Amino acid sequence: MRWCTTWGRRAPAVLGPAIGLGADWPALDDAGGAFAVSPGWWKAERAREALEDFAAVVWIDDFIDGWREARDEFDEPGPRWWETDRLLMISPDSARGLEPAHLDAVERFVAAHVPPGDIR
């Protein structure tokens, strides 16, 4: 589990306790990366890197759908690292946030892809 947010290191300290989840997760650095509508979006790069290190990755962000639309519009045809069954991307509506169906999808994905006790 990792925080990948513009809140940076404040996420585990402020958001984690507020929502009761993630106070002990590390916060990943944006490394001066690009924003969501660009191919080099820093959060997408962190998700790609996670796929190199882990068997399965869950990525939740309200800008994922917009990022994919921009990639579809501007990318050359060919393989796309994010089109794998090892990655679950959830892009909740910004006005509503995560909903029970999203959490159910995460639970099913993790159960199918991650051995018990191996969630990091």
PDB file of N, CA and C in Angstrom:
ATOM      1  N   MET A   1       0.846  -1.165   0.000  1.00  0.00           N
ATOM      2  CA  MET A   1       0.000   0.000   0.000  1.00  0.00           C
ATOM      3  C   MET A   1       0.895   1.233   0.000  1.00  0.00           C
ATOM      4  N   ARG A   2       0.548   2.185  -0.863  1.00  0.00           N
ATOM      5  CA  ARG A   2       1.321   3.418  -0.988  1.00  0.00           C
ATOM      6  C   ARG A   2       0.366   4.586  -1.201  1.00  0.00           C
ATOM      7  N   TRP A   3       0.746   5.753  -0.715  1.00  0.00           N
ATOM      8  CA  TRP A   3       0.047   6.986  -1.047  1.00  0.00           C
ATOM      9  C   TRP A   3       0.708   7.556  -2.278  1.00  0.00           C
ATOM     10  N   CYS A   4      -0.079   7.910  -3.241  1.00  0.00           N
ATOM     11  CA  CYS A   4       0.421   8.551  -4.466  1.00  0.00           C
ATOM     12  C   CYS A   4      -0.491   9.755  -4.699  1.00  0.00           C
ATOM     13  N   THR A   5      -0.200  10.826  -3.995  1.00  0.00           N
ATOM     14  CA  THR A   5      -1.091  11.972  -3.966  1.00  0.00           C
ATOM     15  C   THR A   5      -0.298  13.264  -3.875  1.00  0.00           C
ATOM     16  N   THR A   6      -0.904  14.343  -4.341  1.00  0.00           N
ATOM     17  CA  THR A   6      -0.256  15.645  -4.215  1.00  0.00           C
ATOM     18  C   THR A   6      -0.195  16.080  -2.750  1.00  0.00           C
ATOM     19  N   TRP A   7      -0.877  15.377  -1.880  1.00  0.00           N
ATOM     20  CA  TRP A   7      -0.752  15.643  -0.450  1.00  0.00           C
ATOM     21  C   TRP A   7       0.635  15.267   0.048  1.00  0.00           C
ATOM     22  N   GLY A   8       1.329  14.429  -0.717  1.00  0.00           N
ATOM     23  CA  GLY A   8       2.679  14.015  -0.343  1.00  0.00           C
ATOM     24  C   GLY A   8       2.728  13.379   1.029  1.00  0.00           C
ATOM     25  N   ARG A   9       3.709  13.789   1.804  1.00  0.00           N
ATOM     26  CA  ARG A   9       3.931  13.182   3.122  1.00  0.00           C
ATOM     27  C   ARG A   9       2.858  13.565   4.146  1.00  0.00           C
ATOM     28  N   ARG A  10       2.012  14.526   3.795  1.00  0.00           N
ATOM     29  CA  ARG A  10       0.898  14.867   4.684  1.00  0.00           C
ATOM     30  C   ARG A  10      -0.195  13.801   4.625  1.00  0.00           C
ATOM     31  N   ALA A  11      -0.235  13.009   3.546  1.00  0.00           N
ATOM     32  CA  ALA A  11      -1.301  12.009   3.406  1.00  0.00           C
ATOM     33  C   ALA A  11      -1.322  11.016   4.562  1.00  0.00           C
ATOM     34  N   PRO A  12      -0.199  10.346   4.875  1.00  0.00           N
ATOM     35  CA  PRO A  12      -0.273   9.411   6.001  1.00  0.00           C
ATOM     36  C   PRO A  12      -0.519  10.103   7.340  1.00  0.00           C
ATOM     37  N   ALA A  13      -0.041  11.321   7.474  1.00  0.00           N
ATOM     38  CA  ALA A  13      -0.171  12.033   8.741  1.00  0.00           C
ATOM     39  C   ALA A  13      -1.560  12.641   8.943  1.00  0.00           C
ATOM     40  N   VAL A  14      -2.185  13.111   7.851  1.00  0.00           N
ATOM     41  CA  VAL A  14      -3.465  13.814   7.975  1.00  0.00           C
ATOM     42  C   VAL A  14      -4.622  12.969   7.427  1.00  0.00           C
ATOM     43  N   LEU A  15      -4.514  12.525   6.179  1.00  0.00           N
ATOM     44  CA  LEU A  15      -5.607  11.762   5.571  1.00  0.00           C
ATOM     45  C   LEU A  15      -5.777  10.395   6.222  1.00  0.00           C
ATOM     46  N   GLY A  16      -4.668   9.703   6.447  1.00  0.00           N
ATOM     47  CA  GLY A  16      -4.736   8.363   7.028  1.00  0.00           C
ATOM     48  C   GLY A  16      -5.566   8.304   8.298  1.00  0.00           C
ATOM     49  N   PRO A  17      -5.216   9.111   9.310  1.00  0.00           N
ATOM     50  CA  PRO A  17      -6.023   9.093  10.536  1.00  0.00           C
ATOM     51  C   PRO A  17      -7.464   9.555  10.312  1.00  0.00           C
ATOM     52  N   ALA A  18      -7.666  10.490   9.391  1.00  0.00           N
ATOM     53  CA  ALA A  18      -9.016  11.013   9.150  1.00  0.00           C
ATOM     54  C   ALA A  18      -9.942   9.946   8.577  1.00  0.00           C
ATOM     55  N   ILE A  19      -9.394   9.070   7.722  1.00  0.00           N
ATOM     56  CA  ILE A  19     -10.237   8.038   7.108  1.00  0.00           C
ATOM     57  C   ILE A  19     -10.043   6.663   7.746  1.00  0.00           C
ATOM     58  N   GLY A  20      -9.108   6.567   8.676  1.00  0.00           N
ATOM     59  CA  GLY A  20      -8.870   5.297   9.354  1.00  0.00           C
ATOM     60  C   GLY A  20      -8.164   4.270   8.493  1.00  0.00           C
ATOM     61  N   LEU A  21      -7.375   4.749   7.520  1.00  0.00           N
ATOM     62  CA  LEU A  21      -6.694   3.854   6.596  1.00  0.00           C
ATOM     63  C   LEU A  21      -5.451   4.550   6.051  1.00  0.00           C
ATOM     64  N   GLY A  22      -4.308   3.891   6.135  1.00  0.00           N
ATOM     65  CA  GLY A  22      -3.123   4.402   5.470  1.00  0.00           C
ATOM     66  C   GLY A  22      -2.187   5.263   6.291  1.00  0.00           C
ATOM     67  N   ALA A  23      -2.388   5.351   7.596  1.00  0.00           N
ATOM     68  CA  ALA A  23      -1.492   6.173   8.408  1.00  0.00           C
ATOM     69  C   ALA A  23      -0.069   5.622   8.407  1.00  0.00           C
ATOM     70  N   ASP A  24       0.085   4.341   8.122  1.00  0.00           N
ATOM     71  CA  ASP A  24       1.421   3.736   8.108  1.00  0.00           C
ATOM     72  C   ASP A  24       1.939   3.456   6.688  1.00  0.00           C
ATOM     73  N   TRP A  25       1.246   3.929   5.657  1.00  0.00           N
ATOM     74  CA  TRP A  25       1.692   3.736   4.277  1.00  0.00           C
ATOM     75  C   TRP A  25       2.726   4.793   3.916  1.00  0.00           C
ATOM     76  N   PRO A  26       3.744   4.437   3.143  1.00  0.00           N
ATOM     77  CA  PRO A  26       4.675   5.463   2.662  1.00  0.00           C
ATOM     78  C   PRO A  26       4.023   6.323   1.576  1.00  0.00           C
ATOM     79  N   ALA A  27       4.482   7.558   1.462  1.00  0.00           N
ATOM     80  CA  ALA A  27       3.999   8.470   0.416  1.00  0.00           C
ATOM     81  C   ALA A  27       5.042   8.531  -0.691  1.00  0.00           C
ATOM     82  N   LEU A  28       4.616   8.289  -1.924  1.00  0.00           N
ATOM     83  CA  LEU A  28       5.520   8.333  -3.065  1.00  0.00           C
ATOM     84  C   LEU A  28       5.693   9.768  -3.540  1.00  0.00           C
ATOM     85  N   ASP A  29       6.884  10.077  -4.001  1.00  0.00           N
ATOM     86  CA  ASP A  29       7.229  11.423  -4.444  1.00  0.00           C
ATOM     87  C   ASP A  29       6.794  11.636  -5.886  1.00  0.00           C
ATOM     88  N   ASP A  30       6.343  12.852  -6.196  1.00  0.00           N
ATOM     89  CA  ASP A  30       5.947  13.150  -7.573  1.00  0.00           C
ATOM     90  C   ASP A  30       7.150  13.379  -8.476  1.00  0.00           C
ATOM     91  N   ALA A  31       8.319  13.565  -7.900  1.00  0.00           N
ATOM     92  CA  ALA A  31       9.571  13.735  -8.660  1.00  0.00           C
ATOM     93  C   ALA A  31       9.432  14.787  -9.757  1.00  0.00           C
ATOM     94  N   GLY A  32       8.635  15.808  -9.499  1.00  0.00           N
ATOM     95  CA  GLY A  32       8.461  16.872 -10.483  1.00  0.00           C
ATOM     96  C   GLY A  32       7.754  16.422 -11.738  1.00  0.00           C
ATOM     97  N   GLY A  33       6.962  15.368 -11.639  1.00  0.00           N
ATOM     98  CA  GLY A  33       6.323  14.775 -12.809  1.00  0.00           C
ATOM     99  C   GLY A  33       5.169  15.580 -13.364  1.00  0.00           C
ATOM    100  N   ALA A  34       4.706  15.140 -14.508  1.00  0.00           N
ATOM    101  CA  ALA A  34       3.643  15.817 -15.251  1.00  0.00           C
ATOM    102  C   ALA A  34       2.276  15.533 -14.639  1.00  0.00           C
ATOM    103  N   PHE A  35       1.296  16.321 -15.069  1.00  0.00           N
ATOM    104  CA  PHE A  35      -0.071  16.180 -14.581  1.00  0.00           C
ATOM    105  C   PHE A  35      -0.851  15.153 -15.398  1.00  0.00           C
ATOM    106  N   ALA A  36      -2.093  14.914 -14.982  1.00  0.00           N
ATOM    107  CA  ALA A  36      -2.900  13.795 -15.460  1.00  0.00           C
ATOM    108  C   ALA A  36      -3.127  13.734 -16.958  1.00  0.00           C
ATOM    109  N   VAL A  37      -3.269  14.845 -17.623  1.00  0.00           N
ATOM    110  CA  VAL A  37      -3.602  14.758 -19.037  1.00  0.00           C
ATOM    111  C   VAL A  37      -2.373  14.576 -19.918  1.00  0.00           C
ATOM    112  N   SER A  38      -1.220  14.406 -19.337  1.00  0.00           N
ATOM    113  CA  SER A  38      -0.021  14.201 -20.144  1.00  0.00           C
ATOM    114  C   SER A  38       0.424  12.744 -20.059  1.00  0.00           C
ATOM    115  N   PRO A  39       1.062  12.239 -21.106  1.00  0.00           N
ATOM    116  CA  PRO A  39       1.499  10.846 -21.098  1.00  0.00           C
ATOM    117  C   PRO A  39       2.447  10.515 -19.942  1.00  0.00           C
ATOM    118  N   GLY A  40       3.236  11.469 -19.485  1.00  0.00           N
ATOM    119  CA  GLY A  40       4.192  11.218 -18.415  1.00  0.00           C
ATOM    120  C   GLY A  40       3.659  11.534 -17.025  1.00  0.00           C
ATOM    121  N   TRP A  41       2.343  11.422 -16.827  1.00  0.00           N
ATOM    122  CA  TRP A  41       1.748  11.717 -15.522  1.00  0.00           C
ATOM    123  C   TRP A  41       2.482  10.946 -14.445  1.00  0.00           C
ATOM    124  N   TRP A  42       2.925  11.644 -13.429  1.00  0.00           N
ATOM    125  CA  TRP A  42       3.759  11.033 -12.397  1.00  0.00           C
ATOM    126  C   TRP A  42       3.067   9.883 -11.675  1.00  0.00           C
ATOM    127  N   LYS A  43       1.759   9.965 -11.487  1.00  0.00           N
ATOM    128  CA  LYS A  43       1.054   8.871 -10.817  1.00  0.00           C
ATOM    129  C   LYS A  43       1.006   7.633 -11.712  1.00  0.00           C
ATOM    130  N   ALA A  44       0.858   7.831 -13.003  1.00  0.00           N
ATOM    131  CA  ALA A  44       0.894   6.700 -13.936  1.00  0.00           C
ATOM    132  C   ALA A  44       2.273   6.053 -13.918  1.00  0.00           C
ATOM    133  N   GLU A  45       3.305   6.868 -13.833  1.00  0.00           N
ATOM    134  CA  GLU A  45       4.669   6.332 -13.774  1.00  0.00           C
ATOM    135  C   GLU A  45       4.870   5.508 -12.507  1.00  0.00           C
ATOM    136  N   ARG A  46       4.326   5.954 -11.374  1.00  0.00           N
ATOM    137  CA  ARG A  46       4.437   5.176 -10.132  1.00  0.00           C
ATOM    138  C   ARG A  46       3.675   3.856 -10.269  1.00  0.00           C
ATOM    139  N   ALA A  47       2.513   3.862 -10.948  1.00  0.00           N
ATOM    140  CA  ALA A  47       1.761   2.622 -11.155  1.00  0.00           C
ATOM    141  C   ALA A  47       2.547   1.671 -12.054  1.00  0.00           C
ATOM    142  N   ARG A  48       3.150   2.210 -13.115  1.00  0.00           N
ATOM    143  CA  ARG A  48       3.964   1.379 -14.011  1.00  0.00           C
ATOM    144  C   ARG A  48       5.129   0.764 -13.253  1.00  0.00           C
ATOM    145  N   GLU A  49       5.795   1.551 -12.425  1.00  0.00           N
ATOM    146  CA  GLU A  49       6.910   1.045 -11.620  1.00  0.00           C
ATOM    147  C   GLU A  49       6.436  -0.042 -10.651  1.00  0.00           C
ATOM    148  N   ALA A  50       5.268   0.145 -10.069  1.00  0.00           N
ATOM    149  CA  ALA A  50       4.731  -0.860  -9.149  1.00  0.00           C
ATOM    150  C   ALA A  50       4.488  -2.180  -9.866  1.00  0.00           C
ATOM    151  N   LEU A  51       4.055  -2.120 -11.128  1.00  0.00           N
ATOM    152  CA  LEU A  51       3.856  -3.353 -11.899  1.00  0.00           C
ATOM    153  C   LEU A  51       5.170  -4.098 -12.118  1.00  0.00           C
ATOM    154  N   GLU A  52       6.273  -3.374 -12.124  1.00  0.00           N
ATOM    155  CA  GLU A  52       7.584  -4.018 -12.257  1.00  0.00           C
ATOM    156  C   GLU A  52       7.982  -4.730 -10.971  1.00  0.00           C
ATOM    157  N   ASP A  53       7.476  -4.243  -9.835  1.00  0.00           N
ATOM    158  CA  ASP A  53       7.894  -4.758  -8.537  1.00  0.00           C
ATOM    159  C   ASP A  53       6.913  -5.736  -7.888  1.00  0.00           C
ATOM    160  N   PHE A  54       5.658  -5.709  -8.307  1.00  0.00           N
ATOM    161  CA  PHE A  54       4.638  -6.507  -7.639  1.00  0.00           C
ATOM    162  C   PHE A  54       3.838  -7.332  -8.646  1.00  0.00           C
ATOM    163  N   ALA A  55       3.274  -8.422  -8.169  1.00  0.00           N
ATOM    164  CA  ALA A  55       2.498  -9.311  -9.038  1.00  0.00           C
ATOM    165  C   ALA A  55       1.197  -8.678  -9.502  1.00  0.00           C
ATOM    166  N   ALA A  56       0.631  -7.802  -8.680  1.00  0.00           N
ATOM    167  CA  ALA A  56      -0.637  -7.146  -9.016  1.00  0.00           C
ATOM    168  C   ALA A  56      -0.673  -5.777  -8.350  1.00  0.00           C
ATOM    169  N   VAL A  57      -1.376  -4.850  -9.007  1.00  0.00           N
ATOM    170  CA  VAL A  57      -1.433  -3.469  -8.521  1.00  0.00           C
ATOM    171  C   VAL A  57      -2.870  -2.963  -8.626  1.00  0.00           C
ATOM    172  N   VAL A  58      -3.325  -2.286  -7.577  1.00  0.00           N
ATOM    173  CA  VAL A  58      -4.599  -1.570  -7.590  1.00  0.00           C
ATOM    174  C   VAL A  58      -4.251  -0.090  -7.591  1.00  0.00           C
ATOM    175  N   TRP A  59      -4.769   0.624  -8.582  1.00  0.00           N
ATOM    176  CA  TRP A  59      -4.521   2.066  -8.703  1.00  0.00           C
ATOM    177  C   TRP A  59      -5.866   2.771  -8.691  1.00  0.00           C
ATOM    178  N   ILE A  60      -6.064   3.652  -7.703  1.00  0.00           N
ATOM    179  CA  ILE A  60      -7.319   4.384  -7.560  1.00  0.00           C
ATOM    180  C   ILE A  60      -7.007   5.872  -7.633  1.00  0.00           C
ATOM    181  N   ASP A  61      -7.637   6.559  -8.575  1.00  0.00           N
ATOM    182  CA  ASP A  61      -7.465   8.002  -8.707  1.00  0.00           C
ATOM    183  C   ASP A  61      -8.607   8.546  -9.551  1.00  0.00           C
ATOM    184  N   ASP A  62      -9.127   9.704  -9.183  1.00  0.00           N
ATOM    185  CA  ASP A  62     -10.258  10.249  -9.924  1.00  0.00           C
ATOM    186  C   ASP A  62      -9.874  10.806 -11.291  1.00  0.00           C
ATOM    187  N   PHE A  63      -8.582  10.862 -11.625  1.00  0.00           N
ATOM    188  CA  PHE A  63      -8.160  11.355 -12.937  1.00  0.00           C
ATOM    189  C   PHE A  63      -7.766  10.238 -13.913  1.00  0.00           C
ATOM    190  N   ILE A  64      -7.871   8.999 -13.513  1.00  0.00           N
ATOM    191  CA  ILE A  64      -7.453   7.902 -14.390  1.00  0.00           C
ATOM    192  C   ILE A  64      -8.215   7.912 -15.715  1.00  0.00           C
ATOM    193  N   ASP A  65      -9.536   8.068 -15.671  1.00  0.00           N
ATOM    194  CA  ASP A  65     -10.307   8.045 -16.915  1.00  0.00           C
ATOM    195  C   ASP A  65      -9.865   9.167 -17.859  1.00  0.00           C
ATOM    196  N   GLY A  66      -9.636  10.351 -17.322  1.00  0.00           N
ATOM    197  CA  GLY A  66      -9.160  11.464 -18.150  1.00  0.00           C
ATOM    198  C   GLY A  66      -7.790  11.199 -18.731  1.00  0.00           C
ATOM    199  N   TRP A  67      -6.915  10.583 -17.948  1.00  0.00           N
ATOM    200  CA  TRP A  67      -5.572  10.226 -18.424  1.00  0.00           C
ATOM    201  C   TRP A  67      -5.667   9.203 -19.560  1.00  0.00           C
ATOM    202  N   ARG A  68      -6.523   8.188 -19.387  1.00  0.00           N
ATOM    203  CA  ARG A  68      -6.676   7.180 -20.451  1.00  0.00           C
ATOM    204  C   ARG A  68      -7.248   7.803 -21.718  1.00  0.00           C
ATOM    205  N   GLU A  69      -8.207   8.714 -21.578  1.00  0.00           N
ATOM    206  CA  GLU A  69      -8.762   9.390 -22.751  1.00  0.00           C
ATOM    207  C   GLU A  69      -7.684  10.190 -23.477  1.00  0.00           C
ATOM    208  N   ALA A  70      -6.838  10.878 -22.729  1.00  0.00           N
ATOM    209  CA  ALA A  70      -5.746  11.643 -23.347  1.00  0.00           C
ATOM    210  C   ALA A  70      -4.757  10.711 -24.040  1.00  0.00           C
ATOM    211  N   ARG A  71      -4.462   9.582 -23.410  1.00  0.00           N
ATOM    212  CA  ARG A  71      -3.554   8.607 -24.030  1.00  0.00           C
ATOM    213  C   ARG A  71      -4.168   8.061 -25.315  1.00  0.00           C
ATOM    214  N   ASP A  72      -5.449   7.764 -25.294  1.00  0.00           N
ATOM    215  CA  ASP A  72      -6.115   7.250 -26.491  1.00  0.00           C
ATOM    216  C   ASP A  72      -6.058   8.263 -27.629  1.00  0.00           C
ATOM    217  N   GLU A  73      -6.164   9.531 -27.287  1.00  0.00           N
ATOM    218  CA  GLU A  73      -6.174  10.582 -28.297  1.00  0.00           C
ATOM    219  C   GLU A  73      -4.786  10.850 -28.880  1.00  0.00           C
ATOM    220  N   PHE A  74      -3.751  10.788 -28.055  1.00  0.00           N
ATOM    221  CA  PHE A  74      -2.427  11.235 -28.491  1.00  0.00           C
ATOM    222  C   PHE A  74      -1.399  10.133 -28.716  1.00  0.00           C
ATOM    223  N   ASP A  75      -1.627   8.938 -28.215  1.00  0.00           N
ATOM    224  CA  ASP A  75      -0.624   7.874 -28.316  1.00  0.00           C
ATOM    225  C   ASP A  75      -0.600   7.215 -29.684  1.00  0.00           C
ATOM    226  N   GLU A  76       0.549   6.697 -30.005  1.00  0.00           N
ATOM    227  CA  GLU A  76       0.710   5.838 -31.172  1.00  0.00           C
ATOM    228  C   GLU A  76       0.072   4.489 -30.855  1.00  0.00           C
ATOM    229  N   PRO A  77      -0.382   3.769 -31.867  1.00  0.00           N
ATOM    230  CA  PRO A  77      -0.895   2.416 -31.613  1.00  0.00           C
ATOM    231  C   PRO A  77       0.237   1.516 -31.123  1.00  0.00           C
ATOM    232  N   GLY A  78      -0.113   0.522 -30.371  1.00  0.00           N
ATOM    233  CA  GLY A  78       0.892  -0.424 -29.893  1.00  0.00           C
ATOM    234  C   GLY A  78       0.601  -0.856 -28.469  1.00  0.00           C
ATOM    235  N   PRO A  79       1.509  -1.641 -27.904  1.00  0.00           N
ATOM    236  CA  PRO A  79       1.291  -2.153 -26.545  1.00  0.00           C
ATOM    237  C   PRO A  79       1.178  -1.018 -25.523  1.00  0.00           C
ATOM    238  N   ARG A  80       0.332  -1.233 -24.576  1.00  0.00           N
ATOM    239  CA  ARG A  80       0.130  -0.260 -23.505  1.00  0.00           C
ATOM    240  C   ARG A  80       0.345  -0.973 -22.177  1.00  0.00           C
ATOM    241  N   TRP A  81       1.270  -0.474 -21.387  1.00  0.00           N
ATOM    242  CA  TRP A  81       1.634  -1.152 -20.142  1.00  0.00           C
ATOM    243  C   TRP A  81       0.446  -1.313 -19.207  1.00  0.00           C
ATOM    244  N   TRP A  82      -0.534  -0.432 -19.283  1.00  0.00           N
ATOM    245  CA  TRP A  82      -1.663  -0.462 -18.352  1.00  0.00           C
ATOM    246  C   TRP A  82      -2.754  -1.438 -18.774  1.00  0.00           C
ATOM    247  N   GLU A  83      -2.643  -2.012 -19.950  1.00  0.00           N
ATOM    248  CA  GLU A  83      -3.646  -2.982 -20.400  1.00  0.00           C
ATOM    249  C   GLU A  83      -3.178  -4.390 -20.051  1.00  0.00           C
ATOM    250  N   THR A  84      -3.264  -4.703 -18.777  1.00  0.00           N
ATOM    251  CA  THR A  84      -2.868  -6.001 -18.255  1.00  0.00           C
ATOM    252  C   THR A  84      -3.857  -6.422 -17.176  1.00  0.00           C
ATOM    253  N   ASP A  85      -4.050  -7.714 -17.037  1.00  0.00           N
ATOM    254  CA  ASP A  85      -4.961  -8.186 -15.991  1.00  0.00           C
ATOM    255  C   ASP A  85      -4.318  -8.108 -14.609  1.00  0.00           C
ATOM    256  N   ARG A  86      -3.058  -7.681 -14.536  1.00  0.00           N
ATOM    257  CA  ARG A  86      -2.361  -7.511 -13.255  1.00  0.00           C
ATOM    258  C   ARG A  86      -2.603  -6.132 -12.638  1.00  0.00           C
ATOM    259  N   LEU A  87      -3.325  -5.270 -13.348  1.00  0.00           N
ATOM    260  CA  LEU A  87      -3.582  -3.910 -12.880  1.00  0.00           C
ATOM    261  C   LEU A  87      -5.082  -3.640 -12.848  1.00  0.00           C
ATOM    262  N   LEU A  88      -5.567  -3.221 -11.693  1.00  0.00           N
ATOM    263  CA  LEU A  88      -6.946  -2.765 -11.562  1.00  0.00           C
ATOM    264  C   LEU A  88      -6.899  -1.256 -11.403  1.00  0.00           C
ATOM    265  N   MET A  89      -7.548  -0.547 -12.331  1.00  0.00           N
ATOM    266  CA  MET A  89      -7.623   0.910 -12.261  1.00  0.00           C
ATOM    267  C   MET A  89      -9.062   1.299 -11.959  1.00  0.00           C
ATOM    268  N   ILE A  90      -9.215   2.118 -10.931  1.00  0.00           N
ATOM    269  CA  ILE A  90     -10.532   2.608 -10.545  1.00  0.00           C
ATOM    270  C   ILE A  90     -10.471   4.123 -10.548  1.00  0.00           C
ATOM    271  N   SER A  91     -11.400   4.730 -11.294  1.00  0.00           N
ATOM    272  CA  SER A  91     -11.453   6.184 -11.413  1.00  0.00           C
ATOM    273  C   SER A  91     -12.811   6.669 -10.909  1.00  0.00           C
ATOM    274  N   PRO A  92     -12.921   6.858  -9.583  1.00  0.00           N
ATOM    275  CA  PRO A  92     -14.220   7.271  -9.052  1.00  0.00           C
ATOM    276  C   PRO A  92     -14.587   8.695  -9.468  1.00  0.00           C
ATOM    277  N   ASP A  93     -15.856   8.959  -9.500  1.00  0.00           N
ATOM    278  CA  ASP A  93     -16.353  10.308  -9.770  1.00  0.00           C
ATOM    279  C   ASP A  93     -15.819  11.241  -8.677  1.00  0.00           C
ATOM    280  N   SER A  94     -15.233  12.349  -9.083  1.00  0.00           N
ATOM    281  CA  SER A  94     -14.631  13.285  -8.120  1.00  0.00           C
ATOM    282  C   SER A  94     -15.633  13.811  -7.105  1.00  0.00           C
ATOM    283  N   ALA A  95     -16.858  13.960  -7.504  1.00  0.00           N
ATOM    284  CA  ALA A  95     -17.874  14.506  -6.607  1.00  0.00           C
ATOM    285  C   ALA A  95     -18.422  13.474  -5.628  1.00  0.00           C
ATOM    286  N   ARG A  96     -18.239  12.189  -5.941  1.00  0.00           N
ATOM    287  CA  ARG A  96     -18.800  11.134  -5.093  1.00  0.00           C
ATOM    288  C   ARG A  96     -17.747  10.360  -4.324  1.00  0.00           C
ATOM    289  N   GLY A  97     -16.577  10.192  -4.891  1.00  0.00           N
ATOM    290  CA  GLY A  97     -15.532   9.414  -4.239  1.00  0.00           C
ATOM    291  C   GLY A  97     -15.744   7.924  -4.395  1.00  0.00           C
ATOM    292  N   LEU A  98     -15.020   7.171  -3.610  1.00  0.00           N
ATOM    293  CA  LEU A  98     -15.132   5.715  -3.657  1.00  0.00           C
ATOM    294  C   LEU A  98     -16.508   5.276  -3.195  1.00  0.00           C
ATOM    295  N   GLU A  99     -17.028   4.273  -3.880  1.00  0.00           N
ATOM    296  CA  GLU A  99     -18.329   3.725  -3.546  1.00  0.00           C
ATOM    297  C   GLU A  99     -18.168   2.249  -3.192  1.00  0.00           C
ATOM    298  N   PRO A 100     -19.155   1.658  -2.533  1.00  0.00           N
ATOM    299  CA  PRO A 100     -19.048   0.248  -2.155  1.00  0.00           C
ATOM    300  C   PRO A 100     -18.685  -0.668  -3.322  1.00  0.00           C
ATOM    301  N   ALA A 101     -19.197  -0.423  -4.512  1.00  0.00           N
ATOM    302  CA  ALA A 101     -18.889  -1.278  -5.667  1.00  0.00           C
ATOM    303  C   ALA A 101     -17.395  -1.219  -6.008  1.00  0.00           C
ATOM    304  N   HIS A 102     -16.775  -0.065  -5.828  1.00  0.00           N
ATOM    305  CA  HIS A 102     -15.331   0.043  -6.068  1.00  0.00           C
ATOM    306  C   HIS A 102     -14.556  -0.838  -5.087  1.00  0.00           C
ATOM    307  N   LEU A 103     -14.939  -0.758  -3.826  1.00  0.00           N
ATOM    308  CA  LEU A 103     -14.254  -1.554  -2.812  1.00  0.00           C
ATOM    309  C   LEU A 103     -14.488  -3.047  -3.023  1.00  0.00           C
ATOM    310  N   ASP A 104     -15.686  -3.402  -3.492  1.00  0.00           N
ATOM    311  CA  ASP A 104     -15.955  -4.801  -3.825  1.00  0.00           C
ATOM    312  C   ASP A 104     -15.044  -5.262  -4.959  1.00  0.00           C
ATOM    313  N   ALA A 105     -14.844  -4.408  -5.963  1.00  0.00           N
ATOM    314  CA  ALA A 105     -13.963  -4.755  -7.085  1.00  0.00           C
ATOM    315  C   ALA A 105     -12.529  -4.932  -6.604  1.00  0.00           C
ATOM    316  N   VAL A 106     -12.081  -4.073  -5.704  1.00  0.00           N
ATOM    317  CA  VAL A 106     -10.733  -4.207  -5.152  1.00  0.00           C
ATOM    318  C   VAL A 106     -10.610  -5.527  -4.402  1.00  0.00           C
ATOM    319  N   GLU A 107     -11.587  -5.830  -3.590  1.00  0.00           N
ATOM    320  CA  GLU A 107     -11.548  -7.070  -2.814  1.00  0.00           C
ATOM    321  C   GLU A 107     -11.481  -8.297  -3.734  1.00  0.00           C
ATOM    322  N   ARG A 108     -12.294  -8.327  -4.779  1.00  0.00           N
ATOM    323  CA  ARG A 108     -12.271  -9.457  -5.722  1.00  0.00           C
ATOM    324  C   ARG A 108     -10.922  -9.556  -6.436  1.00  0.00           C
ATOM    325  N   PHE A 109     -10.395  -8.412  -6.875  1.00  0.00           N
ATOM    326  CA  PHE A 109      -9.119  -8.384  -7.588  1.00  0.00           C
ATOM    327  C   PHE A 109      -7.996  -8.897  -6.694  1.00  0.00           C
ATOM    328  N   VAL A 110      -7.932  -8.401  -5.479  1.00  0.00           N
ATOM    329  CA  VAL A 110      -6.876  -8.817  -4.554  1.00  0.00           C
ATOM    330  C   VAL A 110      -7.002 -10.307  -4.246  1.00  0.00           C
ATOM    331  N   ALA A 111      -8.207 -10.772  -4.013  1.00  0.00           N
ATOM    332  CA  ALA A 111      -8.408 -12.200  -3.726  1.00  0.00           C
ATOM    333  C   ALA A 111      -7.947 -13.076  -4.887  1.00  0.00           C
ATOM    334  N   ALA A 112      -8.124 -12.592  -6.118  1.00  0.00           N
ATOM    335  CA  ALA A 112      -7.758 -13.379  -7.298  1.00  0.00           C
ATOM    336  C   ALA A 112      -6.269 -13.297  -7.644  1.00  0.00           C
ATOM    337  N   HIS A 113      -5.586 -12.231  -7.207  1.00  0.00           N
ATOM    338  CA  HIS A 113      -4.224 -11.994  -7.668  1.00  0.00           C
ATOM    339  C   HIS A 113      -3.131 -12.018  -6.602  1.00  0.00           C
ATOM    340  N   VAL A 114      -3.513 -11.925  -5.343  1.00  0.00           N
ATOM    341  CA  VAL A 114      -2.504 -11.780  -4.303  1.00  0.00           C
ATOM    342  C   VAL A 114      -2.657 -12.909  -3.290  1.00  0.00           C
ATOM    343  N   PRO A 115      -1.586 -13.653  -3.053  1.00  0.00           N
ATOM    344  CA  PRO A 115      -1.663 -14.710  -2.026  1.00  0.00           C
ATOM    345  C   PRO A 115      -1.968 -14.101  -0.653  1.00  0.00           C
ATOM    346  N   PRO A 116      -2.739 -14.808   0.170  1.00  0.00           N
ATOM    347  CA  PRO A 116      -3.046 -14.297   1.512  1.00  0.00           C
ATOM    348  C   PRO A 116      -1.764 -13.943   2.271  1.00  0.00           C
ATOM    349  N   GLY A 117      -1.790 -12.809   2.937  1.00  0.00           N
ATOM    350  CA  GLY A 117      -0.638 -12.383   3.729  1.00  0.00           C
ATOM    351  C   GLY A 117       0.448 -11.687   2.927  1.00  0.00           C
ATOM    352  N   ASP A 118       0.248 -11.495   1.616  1.00  0.00           N
ATOM    353  CA  ASP A 118       1.293 -10.898   0.775  1.00  0.00           C
ATOM    354  C   ASP A 118       0.899  -9.500   0.275  1.00  0.00           C
ATOM    355  N   ILE A 119      -0.008  -8.844   0.958  1.00  0.00           N
ATOM    356  CA  ILE A 119      -0.429  -7.501   0.549  1.00  0.00           C
ATOM    357  C   ILE A 119       0.577  -6.507   1.105  1.00  0.00           C
ATOM    358  N   ARG A 120       1.116  -5.688   0.185  1.00  0.00           N
ATOM    359  CA  ARG A 120       2.104  -4.680   0.610  1.00  0.00           C
ATOM    360  C   ARG A 120       1.707  -3.357   0.073  1.00  0.00           C
TER     361      ARG A 120
END
